[in-house]
Amino acid sequence: MRIADRARFVAALAALALAATSIVVVPRPAGAIEAGDPAPDFTLASTTGGDISLSDFRGKKWVLLEFYGADFAPT
């Protein structure tokens, strides 16, 4: 096998492996949440350096969730 053919074969094999990995690794999207449904639990980094979870606020009267993009414009 010539060097050019071998390089093309390796590139095609790498592309196939990458495509197969992306199919296996990509999680399935969650179903839509309807108005009135409870929010699913999640954990994010807090501004104080620790992690904070939505379930930490279970039983509190009100919880406001407001998400901003990287440019801090409301979504």
PDB file of N, CA and C in Angstrom:
ATOM      1  N   MET A   1       0.850  -1.178   0.000  1.00  0.00           N
ATOM      2  CA  MET A   1       0.000   0.000   0.000  1.00  0.00           C
ATOM      3  C   MET A   1       0.892   1.236   0.000  1.00  0.00           C
ATOM      4  N   ARG A   2       0.591   2.184  -0.881  1.00  0.00           N
ATOM      5  CA  ARG A   2       1.404   3.388  -0.954  1.00  0.00           C
ATOM      6  C   ARG A   2       1.136   4.277   0.256  1.00  0.00           C
ATOM      7  N   ILE A   3       2.052   5.187   0.532  1.00  0.00           N
ATOM      8  CA  ILE A   3       1.942   6.080   1.688  1.00  0.00           C
ATOM      9  C   ILE A   3       0.719   6.974   1.563  1.00  0.00           C
ATOM     10  N   ALA A   4       0.445   7.492   0.375  1.00  0.00           N
ATOM     11  CA  ALA A   4      -0.723   8.366   0.186  1.00  0.00           C
ATOM     12  C   ALA A   4      -2.017   7.600   0.423  1.00  0.00           C
ATOM     13  N   ASP A   5      -2.080   6.362  -0.057  1.00  0.00           N
ATOM     14  CA  ASP A   5      -3.270   5.537   0.162  1.00  0.00           C
ATOM     15  C   ASP A   5      -3.438   5.208   1.640  1.00  0.00           C
ATOM     16  N   ARG A   6      -2.333   4.922   2.296  1.00  0.00           N
ATOM     17  CA  ARG A   6      -2.385   4.620   3.728  1.00  0.00           C
ATOM     18  C   ARG A   6      -2.854   5.839   4.525  1.00  0.00           C
ATOM     19  N   ALA A   7      -2.375   7.026   4.193  1.00  0.00           N
ATOM     20  CA  ALA A   7      -2.785   8.250   4.883  1.00  0.00           C
ATOM     21  C   ALA A   7      -4.277   8.510   4.673  1.00  0.00           C
ATOM     22  N   ARG A   8      -4.761   8.282   3.443  1.00  0.00           N
ATOM     23  CA  ARG A   8      -6.179   8.459   3.156  1.00  0.00           C
ATOM     24  C   ARG A   8      -7.009   7.438   3.948  1.00  0.00           C
ATOM     25  N   PHE A   9      -6.531   6.210   4.030  1.00  0.00           N
ATOM     26  CA  PHE A   9      -7.225   5.169   4.786  1.00  0.00           C
ATOM     27  C   PHE A   9      -7.287   5.519   6.276  1.00  0.00           C
ATOM     28  N   VAL A  10      -6.185   5.989   6.831  1.00  0.00           N
ATOM     29  CA  VAL A  10      -6.142   6.358   8.250  1.00  0.00           C
ATOM     30  C   VAL A  10      -7.071   7.539   8.513  1.00  0.00           C
ATOM     31  N   ALA A  11      -7.103   8.522   7.613  1.00  0.00           N
ATOM     32  CA  ALA A  11      -7.988   9.674   7.781  1.00  0.00           C
ATOM     33  C   ALA A  11      -9.455   9.240   7.730  1.00  0.00           C
ATOM     34  N   ALA A  12      -9.794   8.351   6.803  1.00  0.00           N
ATOM     35  CA  ALA A  12     -11.165   7.854   6.706  1.00  0.00           C
ATOM     36  C   ALA A  12     -11.542   7.047   7.942  1.00  0.00           C
ATOM     37  N   LEU A  13     -10.631   6.248   8.436  1.00  0.00           N
ATOM     38  CA  LEU A  13     -10.871   5.457   9.640  1.00  0.00           C
ATOM     39  C   LEU A  13     -11.069   6.363  10.855  1.00  0.00           C
ATOM     40  N   ALA A  14     -10.266   7.417  10.965  1.00  0.00           N
ATOM     41  CA  ALA A  14     -10.408   8.360  12.073  1.00  0.00           C
ATOM     42  C   ALA A  14     -11.748   9.089  11.991  1.00  0.00           C
ATOM     43  N   ALA A  15     -12.163   9.487  10.800  1.00  0.00           N
ATOM     44  CA  ALA A  15     -13.455  10.154  10.631  1.00  0.00           C
ATOM     45  C   ALA A  15     -14.599   9.226  11.006  1.00  0.00           C
ATOM     46  N   LEU A  16     -14.502   7.966  10.620  1.00  0.00           N
ATOM     47  CA  LEU A  16     -15.524   6.987  10.969  1.00  0.00           C
ATOM     48  C   LEU A  16     -15.583   6.771  12.481  1.00  0.00           C
ATOM     49  N   ALA A  17     -14.426   6.690  13.132  1.00  0.00           N
ATOM     50  CA  ALA A  17     -14.387   6.522  14.592  1.00  0.00           C
ATOM     51  C   ALA A  17     -14.981   7.736  15.293  1.00  0.00           C
ATOM     52  N   LEU A  18     -14.684   8.926  14.806  1.00  0.00           N
ATOM     53  CA  LEU A  18     -15.239  10.144  15.391  1.00  0.00           C
ATOM     54  C   LEU A  18     -16.752  10.188  15.224  1.00  0.00           C
ATOM     55  N   ALA A  19     -17.247   9.835  14.060  1.00  0.00           N
ATOM     56  CA  ALA A  19     -18.688   9.818  13.824  1.00  0.00           C
ATOM     57  C   ALA A  19     -19.380   8.795  14.719  1.00  0.00           C
ATOM     58  N   ALA A  20     -18.796   7.617  14.851  1.00  0.00           N
ATOM     59  CA  ALA A  20     -19.382   6.585  15.710  1.00  0.00           C
ATOM     60  C   ALA A  20     -19.382   7.021  17.167  1.00  0.00           C
ATOM     61  N   THR A  21     -18.320   7.670  17.613  1.00  0.00           N
ATOM     62  CA  THR A  21     -18.253   8.154  18.993  1.00  0.00           C
ATOM     63  C   THR A  21     -19.290   9.222  19.259  1.00  0.00           C
ATOM     64  N   SER A  22     -19.503  10.126  18.316  1.00  0.00           N
ATOM     65  CA  SER A  22     -20.471  11.195  18.530  1.00  0.00           C
ATOM     66  C   SER A  22     -21.882  10.647  18.603  1.00  0.00           C
ATOM     67  N   ILE A  23     -22.158   9.563  17.903  1.00  0.00           N
ATOM     68  CA  ILE A  23     -23.484   8.955  17.967  1.00  0.00           C
ATOM     69  C   ILE A  23     -23.687   8.271  19.313  1.00  0.00           C
ATOM     70  N   VAL A  24     -22.682   7.615  19.822  1.00  0.00           N
ATOM     71  CA  VAL A  24     -22.783   6.875  21.073  1.00  0.00           C
ATOM     72  C   VAL A  24     -22.780   7.808  22.275  1.00  0.00           C
ATOM     73  N   VAL A  25     -21.990   8.886  22.249  1.00  0.00           N
ATOM     74  CA  VAL A  25     -21.778   9.737  23.411  1.00  0.00           C
ATOM     75  C   VAL A  25     -22.871  10.789  23.593  1.00  0.00           C
ATOM     76  N   VAL A  26     -23.527  11.228  22.535  1.00  0.00           N
ATOM     77  CA  VAL A  26     -24.508  12.303  22.625  1.00  0.00           C
ATOM     78  C   VAL A  26     -25.716  11.836  23.420  1.00  0.00           C
ATOM     79  N   PRO A  27     -26.036  12.544  24.527  1.00  0.00           N
ATOM     80  CA  PRO A  27     -27.203  12.140  25.321  1.00  0.00           C
ATOM     81  C   PRO A  27     -28.497  12.492  24.599  1.00  0.00           C
ATOM     82  N   ARG A  28     -29.521  11.775  24.902  1.00  0.00           N
ATOM     83  CA  ARG A  28     -30.834  12.047  24.328  1.00  0.00           C
ATOM     84  C   ARG A  28     -31.414  13.304  24.967  1.00  0.00           C
ATOM     85  N   PRO A  29     -32.075  14.152  24.181  1.00  0.00           N
ATOM     86  CA  PRO A  29     -32.667  15.358  24.764  1.00  0.00           C
ATOM     87  C   PRO A  29     -33.818  14.984  25.697  1.00  0.00           C
ATOM     88  N   ALA A  30     -33.946  15.758  26.762  1.00  0.00           N
ATOM     89  CA  ALA A  30     -35.023  15.531  27.714  1.00  0.00           C
ATOM     90  C   ALA A  30     -36.339  15.987  27.103  1.00  0.00           C
ATOM     91  N   GLY A  31     -37.420  15.438  27.564  1.00  0.00           N
ATOM     92  CA  GLY A  31     -38.733  15.838  27.082  1.00  0.00           C
ATOM     93  C   GLY A  31     -39.065  17.247  27.541  1.00  0.00           C
ATOM     94  N   ALA A  32     -39.999  17.861  26.857  1.00  0.00           N
ATOM     95  CA  ALA A  32     -40.406  19.224  27.186  1.00  0.00           C
ATOM     96  C   ALA A  32     -41.129  19.240  28.530  1.00  0.00           C
ATOM     97  N   ILE A  33     -40.990  20.341  29.227  1.00  0.00           N
ATOM     98  CA  ILE A  33     -41.665  20.533  30.504  1.00  0.00           C
ATOM     99  C   ILE A  33     -42.862  21.435  30.253  1.00  0.00           C
ATOM    100  N   GLU A  34     -43.998  21.015  30.721  1.00  0.00           N
ATOM    101  CA  GLU A  34     -45.220  21.791  30.564  1.00  0.00           C
ATOM    102  C   GLU A  34     -45.382  22.752  31.743  1.00  0.00           C
ATOM    103  N   ALA A  35     -46.124  23.825  31.525  1.00  0.00           N
ATOM    104  CA  ALA A  35     -46.400  24.790  32.598  1.00  0.00           C
ATOM    105  C   ALA A  35     -47.075  24.062  33.754  1.00  0.00           C
ATOM    106  N   GLY A  36     -46.589  24.317  34.952  1.00  0.00           N
ATOM    107  CA  GLY A  36     -47.134  23.682  36.143  1.00  0.00           C
ATOM    108  C   GLY A  36     -46.406  22.418  36.562  1.00  0.00           C
ATOM    109  N   ASP A  37     -45.579  21.844  35.675  1.00  0.00           N
ATOM    110  CA  ASP A  37     -44.793  20.668  36.036  1.00  0.00           C
ATOM    111  C   ASP A  37     -43.637  21.080  36.936  1.00  0.00           C
ATOM    112  N   PRO A  38     -43.214  20.221  37.862  1.00  0.00           N
ATOM    113  CA  PRO A  38     -42.039  20.551  38.668  1.00  0.00           C
ATOM    114  C   PRO A  38     -40.778  20.559  37.810  1.00  0.00           C
ATOM    115  N   ALA A  39     -39.875  21.452  38.128  1.00  0.00           N
ATOM    116  CA  ALA A  39     -38.607  21.544  37.387  1.00  0.00           C
ATOM    117  C   ALA A  39     -37.737  20.338  37.735  1.00  0.00           C
ATOM    118  N   PRO A  40     -37.018  19.796  36.773  1.00  0.00           N
ATOM    119  CA  PRO A  40     -36.105  18.691  37.084  1.00  0.00           C
ATOM    120  C   PRO A  40     -34.930  19.187  37.916  1.00  0.00           C
ATOM    121  N   ASP A  41     -34.412  18.317  38.764  1.00  0.00           N
ATOM    122  CA  ASP A  41     -33.289  18.704  39.611  1.00  0.00           C
ATOM    123  C   ASP A  41     -32.022  18.852  38.782  1.00  0.00           C
ATOM    124  N   PHE A  42     -31.193  19.816  39.125  1.00  0.00           N
ATOM    125  CA  PHE A  42     -29.907  20.018  38.469  1.00  0.00           C
ATOM    126  C   PHE A  42     -28.954  20.646  39.454  1.00  0.00           C
ATOM    127  N   THR A  43     -27.672  20.568  39.173  1.00  0.00           N
ATOM    128  CA  THR A  43     -26.627  21.137  40.022  1.00  0.00           C
ATOM    129  C   THR A  43     -25.737  22.010  39.156  1.00  0.00           C
ATOM    130  N   LEU A  44     -25.422  23.215  39.655  1.00  0.00           N
ATOM    131  CA  LEU A  44     -24.554  24.159  38.957  1.00  0.00           C
ATOM    132  C   LEU A  44     -23.535  24.719  39.942  1.00  0.00           C
ATOM    133  N   ALA A  45     -22.486  25.315  39.405  1.00  0.00           N
ATOM    134  CA  ALA A  45     -21.496  25.981  40.257  1.00  0.00           C
ATOM    135  C   ALA A  45     -22.092  27.284  40.782  1.00  0.00           C
ATOM    136  N   SER A  46     -21.884  27.563  42.059  1.00  0.00           N
ATOM    137  CA  SER A  46     -22.394  28.806  42.633  1.00  0.00           C
ATOM    138  C   SER A  46     -21.343  29.902  42.508  1.00  0.00           C
ATOM    139  N   THR A  47     -21.733  31.115  42.811  1.00  0.00           N
ATOM    140  CA  THR A  47     -20.801  32.242  42.743  1.00  0.00           C
ATOM    141  C   THR A  47     -19.817  32.242  43.901  1.00  0.00           C
ATOM    142  N   THR A  48     -20.056  31.395  44.919  1.00  0.00           N
ATOM    143  CA  THR A  48     -19.152  31.332  46.063  1.00  0.00           C
ATOM    144  C   THR A  48     -18.136  30.205  45.934  1.00  0.00           C
ATOM    145  N   GLY A  49     -18.168  29.490  44.801  1.00  0.00           N
ATOM    146  CA  GLY A  49     -17.170  28.455  44.555  1.00  0.00           C
ATOM    147  C   GLY A  49     -17.640  27.038  44.784  1.00  0.00           C
ATOM    148  N   GLY A  50     -18.764  26.849  45.456  1.00  0.00           N
ATOM    149  CA  GLY A  50     -19.273  25.496  45.670  1.00  0.00           C
ATOM    150  C   GLY A  50     -20.289  25.127  44.604  1.00  0.00           C
ATOM    151  N   ASP A  51     -20.967  24.036  44.821  1.00  0.00           N
ATOM    152  CA  ASP A  51     -22.051  23.628  43.936  1.00  0.00           C
ATOM    153  C   ASP A  51     -23.369  23.876  44.647  1.00  0.00           C
ATOM    154  N   ILE A  52     -24.389  24.175  43.872  1.00  0.00           N
ATOM    155  CA  ILE A  52     -25.719  24.394  44.418  1.00  0.00           C
ATOM    156  C   ILE A  52     -26.704  23.622  43.565  1.00  0.00           C
ATOM    157  N   SER A  53     -27.660  23.007  44.214  1.00  0.00           N
ATOM    158  CA  SER A  53     -28.624  22.157  43.533  1.00  0.00           C
ATOM    159  C   SER A  53     -30.029  22.714  43.731  1.00  0.00           C
ATOM    160  N   LEU A  54     -30.880  22.506  42.752  1.00  0.00           N
ATOM    161  CA  LEU A  54     -32.258  22.965  42.879  1.00  0.00           C
ATOM    162  C   LEU A  54     -32.946  22.280  44.044  1.00  0.00           C
ATOM    163  N   SER A  55     -32.599  21.024  44.312  1.00  0.00           N
ATOM    164  CA  SER A  55     -33.230  20.307  45.419  1.00  0.00           C
ATOM    165  C   SER A  55     -32.859  20.895  46.783  1.00  0.00           C
ATOM    166  N   ASP A  56     -31.814  21.728  46.850  1.00  0.00           N
ATOM    167  CA  ASP A  56     -31.470  22.404  48.102  1.00  0.00           C
ATOM    168  C   ASP A  56     -32.576  23.350  48.545  1.00  0.00           C
ATOM    169  N   PHE A  57     -33.406  23.768  47.611  1.00  0.00           N
ATOM    170  CA  PHE A  57     -34.460  24.737  47.911  1.00  0.00           C
ATOM    171  C   PHE A  57     -35.832  24.099  48.040  1.00  0.00           C
ATOM    172  N   ARG A  58     -35.905  22.772  48.015  1.00  0.00           N
ATOM    173  CA  ARG A  58     -37.199  22.102  48.145  1.00  0.00           C
ATOM    174  C   ARG A  58     -37.825  22.466  49.490  1.00  0.00           C
ATOM    175  N   GLY A  59     -39.100  22.830  49.447  1.00  0.00           N
ATOM    176  CA  GLY A  59     -39.821  23.214  50.652  1.00  0.00           C
ATOM    177  C   GLY A  59     -39.791  24.708  50.922  1.00  0.00           C
ATOM    178  N   LYS A  60     -39.007  25.461  50.197  1.00  0.00           N
ATOM    179  CA  LYS A  60     -38.990  26.922  50.345  1.00  0.00           C
ATOM    180  C   LYS A  60     -40.213  27.480  49.632  1.00  0.00           C
ATOM    181  N   LYS A  61     -40.578  28.716  49.970  1.00  0.00           N
ATOM    182  CA  LYS A  61     -41.798  29.280  49.415  1.00  0.00           C
ATOM    183  C   LYS A  61     -41.655  29.601  47.933  1.00  0.00           C
ATOM    184  N   TRP A  62     -40.613  30.309  47.535  1.00  0.00           N
ATOM    185  CA  TRP A  62     -40.433  30.722  46.143  1.00  0.00           C
ATOM    186  C   TRP A  62     -38.999  30.457  45.698  1.00  0.00           C
ATOM    187  N   VAL A  63     -38.838  30.049  44.471  1.00  0.00           N
ATOM    188  CA  VAL A  63     -37.523  29.904  43.849  1.00  0.00           C
ATOM    189  C   VAL A  63     -37.622  30.516  42.460  1.00  0.00           C
ATOM    190  N   LEU A  64     -36.775  31.500  42.169  1.00  0.00           N
ATOM    191  CA  LEU A  64     -36.745  32.144  40.860  1.00  0.00           C
ATOM    192  C   LEU A  64     -35.503  31.666  40.121  1.00  0.00           C
ATOM    193  N   LEU A  65     -35.701  31.107  38.943  1.00  0.00           N
ATOM    194  CA  LEU A  65     -34.590  30.660  38.105  1.00  0.00           C
ATOM    195  C   LEU A  65     -34.478  31.610  36.931  1.00  0.00           C
ATOM    196  N   GLU A  66     -33.321  32.223  36.772  1.00  0.00           N
ATOM    197  CA  GLU A  66     -33.098  33.129  35.662  1.00  0.00           C
ATOM    198  C   GLU A  66     -31.751  32.768  35.041  1.00  0.00           C
ATOM    199  N   PHE A  67     -31.769  32.419  33.785  1.00  0.00           N
ATOM    200  CA  PHE A  67     -30.563  31.985  33.093  1.00  0.00           C
ATOM    201  C   PHE A  67     -30.136  33.057  32.104  1.00  0.00           C
ATOM    202  N   TYR A  68     -28.828  33.304  32.047  1.00  0.00           N
ATOM    203  CA  TYR A  68     -28.259  34.274  31.127  1.00  0.00           C
ATOM    204  C   TYR A  68     -27.232  33.578  30.243  1.00  0.00           C
ATOM    205  N   GLY A  69     -27.123  34.064  29.023  1.00  0.00           N
ATOM    206  CA  GLY A  69     -26.107  33.563  28.120  1.00  0.00           C
ATOM    207  C   GLY A  69     -24.754  34.134  28.467  1.00  0.00           C
ATOM    208  N   ALA A  70     -23.755  33.802  27.701  1.00  0.00           N
ATOM    209  CA  ALA A  70     -22.399  34.260  27.955  1.00  0.00           C
ATOM    210  C   ALA A  70     -22.273  35.779  27.857  1.00  0.00           C
ATOM    211  N   ASP A  71     -23.178  36.426  27.092  1.00  0.00           N
ATOM    212  CA  ASP A  71     -23.110  37.887  26.968  1.00  0.00           C
ATOM    213  C   ASP A  71     -23.994  38.596  27.982  1.00  0.00           C
ATOM    214  N   PHE A  72     -24.595  37.865  28.927  1.00  0.00           N
ATOM    215  CA  PHE A  72     -25.465  38.374  29.985  1.00  0.00           C
ATOM    216  C   PHE A  72     -26.724  39.035  29.474  1.00  0.00           C
ATOM    217  N   ALA A  73     -27.149  38.704  28.258  1.00  0.00           N
ATOM    218  CA  ALA A  73     -28.422  39.189  27.740  1.00  0.00           C
ATOM    219  C   ALA A  73     -29.497  38.184  28.162  1.00  0.00           C
ATOM    220  N   PRO A  74     -30.645  38.655  28.643  1.00  0.00           N
ATOM    221  CA  PRO A  74     -31.705  37.717  29.035  1.00  0.00           C
ATOM    222  C   PRO A  74     -32.115  36.848  27.852  1.00  0.00           C
ATOM    223  N   THR A  75     -32.407  35.592  28.134  1.00  0.00           N
ATOM    224  CA  THR A  75     -32.825  34.682  27.063  1.00  0.00           C
ATOM    225  C   THR A  75     -34.319  34.546  27.029  1.00  0.00           C
TER     226      THR A  75
END
